């Protein structure tokens, strides 16, 4: 259990909300996520996924 973070902890590590982490998971952008009963755990070494936002160039 020490090799995993909760959704809230992963969000704090990545600088996003736990809701955004859940959206990353739904969009299949997080590998190494394990669901145990009512708890979602993310491997500690999983990098933050790209958010998909595009920068405008002028």
Protein backbone atom coordinates (compact mmCIF):
# COMPACT_ATOMS: atom_id res chain seq x y z
CA UNK A 1 0.00 0.00 0.00
CA UNK A 2 2.99 2.30 0.45
CA UNK A 3 3.66 2.37 -3.30
CA UNK A 4 0.31 4.01 -4.07
CA UNK A 5 -1.32 7.41 -3.67
CA UNK A 6 -4.99 8.19 -3.22
CA UNK A 7 -6.73 10.32 -5.84
CA UNK A 8 -6.56 13.30 -3.47
CA UNK A 9 -2.83 12.80 -2.83
CA UNK A 10 -2.11 12.41 -6.55
CA UNK A 11 -4.03 15.62 -7.25
CA UNK A 12 -1.97 17.49 -4.66
CA UNK A 13 1.25 16.09 -6.14
CA UNK A 14 0.25 17.09 -9.68
CA UNK A 15 -1.28 20.46 -8.72
CA UNK A 16 -4.83 19.60 -9.82
CA UNK A 17 -8.09 18.76 -8.08
CA UNK A 18 -9.19 15.22 -7.29
CA UNK A 19 -12.01 15.71 -9.81
CA UNK A 20 -9.44 16.42 -12.53
CA UNK A 21 -7.57 13.22 -11.60
CA UNK A 22 -10.87 11.33 -11.98
CA UNK A 23 -11.38 12.92 -15.40
CA UNK A 24 -7.87 11.87 -16.44
CA UNK A 25 -8.79 8.32 -15.44
CA UNK A 26 -12.07 8.36 -17.38
CA UNK A 27 -10.19 9.61 -20.45
CA UNK A 28 -7.74 6.66 -20.05
CA UNK A 29 -4.79 8.99 -19.48
CA UNK A 30 -3.63 7.36 -16.22
CA UNK A 31 -1.85 4.04 -16.30
CA UNK A 32 -1.16 2.18 -13.09
CA UNK A 33 -4.45 3.05 -11.39
CA UNK A 34 -6.00 0.32 -9.26
CA UNK A 35 -9.56 0.26 -7.93
CA UNK A 36 -10.03 -1.55 -4.61
CA UNK A 37 -13.66 -1.63 -3.47
CA UNK A 38 -14.50 2.06 -3.02
CA UNK A 39 -10.91 3.32 -3.18
CA UNK A 40 -8.86 4.29 -6.25
CA UNK A 41 -5.09 4.10 -5.93
CA UNK A 42 -2.45 5.46 -8.29
CA UNK A 43 1.13 4.23 -8.43
CA UNK A 44 3.54 6.77 -6.90
CA UNK A 45 5.76 6.83 -9.99
CA UNK A 46 2.92 7.58 -12.43
CA UNK A 47 3.66 10.91 -14.16
CA UNK A 48 1.02 13.61 -14.53
CA UNK A 49 -0.81 13.13 -17.83
CA UNK A 50 -0.90 15.91 -20.41
CA UNK A 51 -4.05 17.96 -19.93
CA UNK A 52 -4.71 18.36 -23.66
CA UNK A 53 -4.97 22.14 -23.60
CA UNK A 54 -3.63 23.88 -26.66
CA UNK A 55 -1.71 27.11 -26.57
CA UNK A 56 -2.71 29.74 -29.08
CA UNK A 57 0.05 31.04 -31.29
CA UNK A 58 -0.16 34.44 -32.88
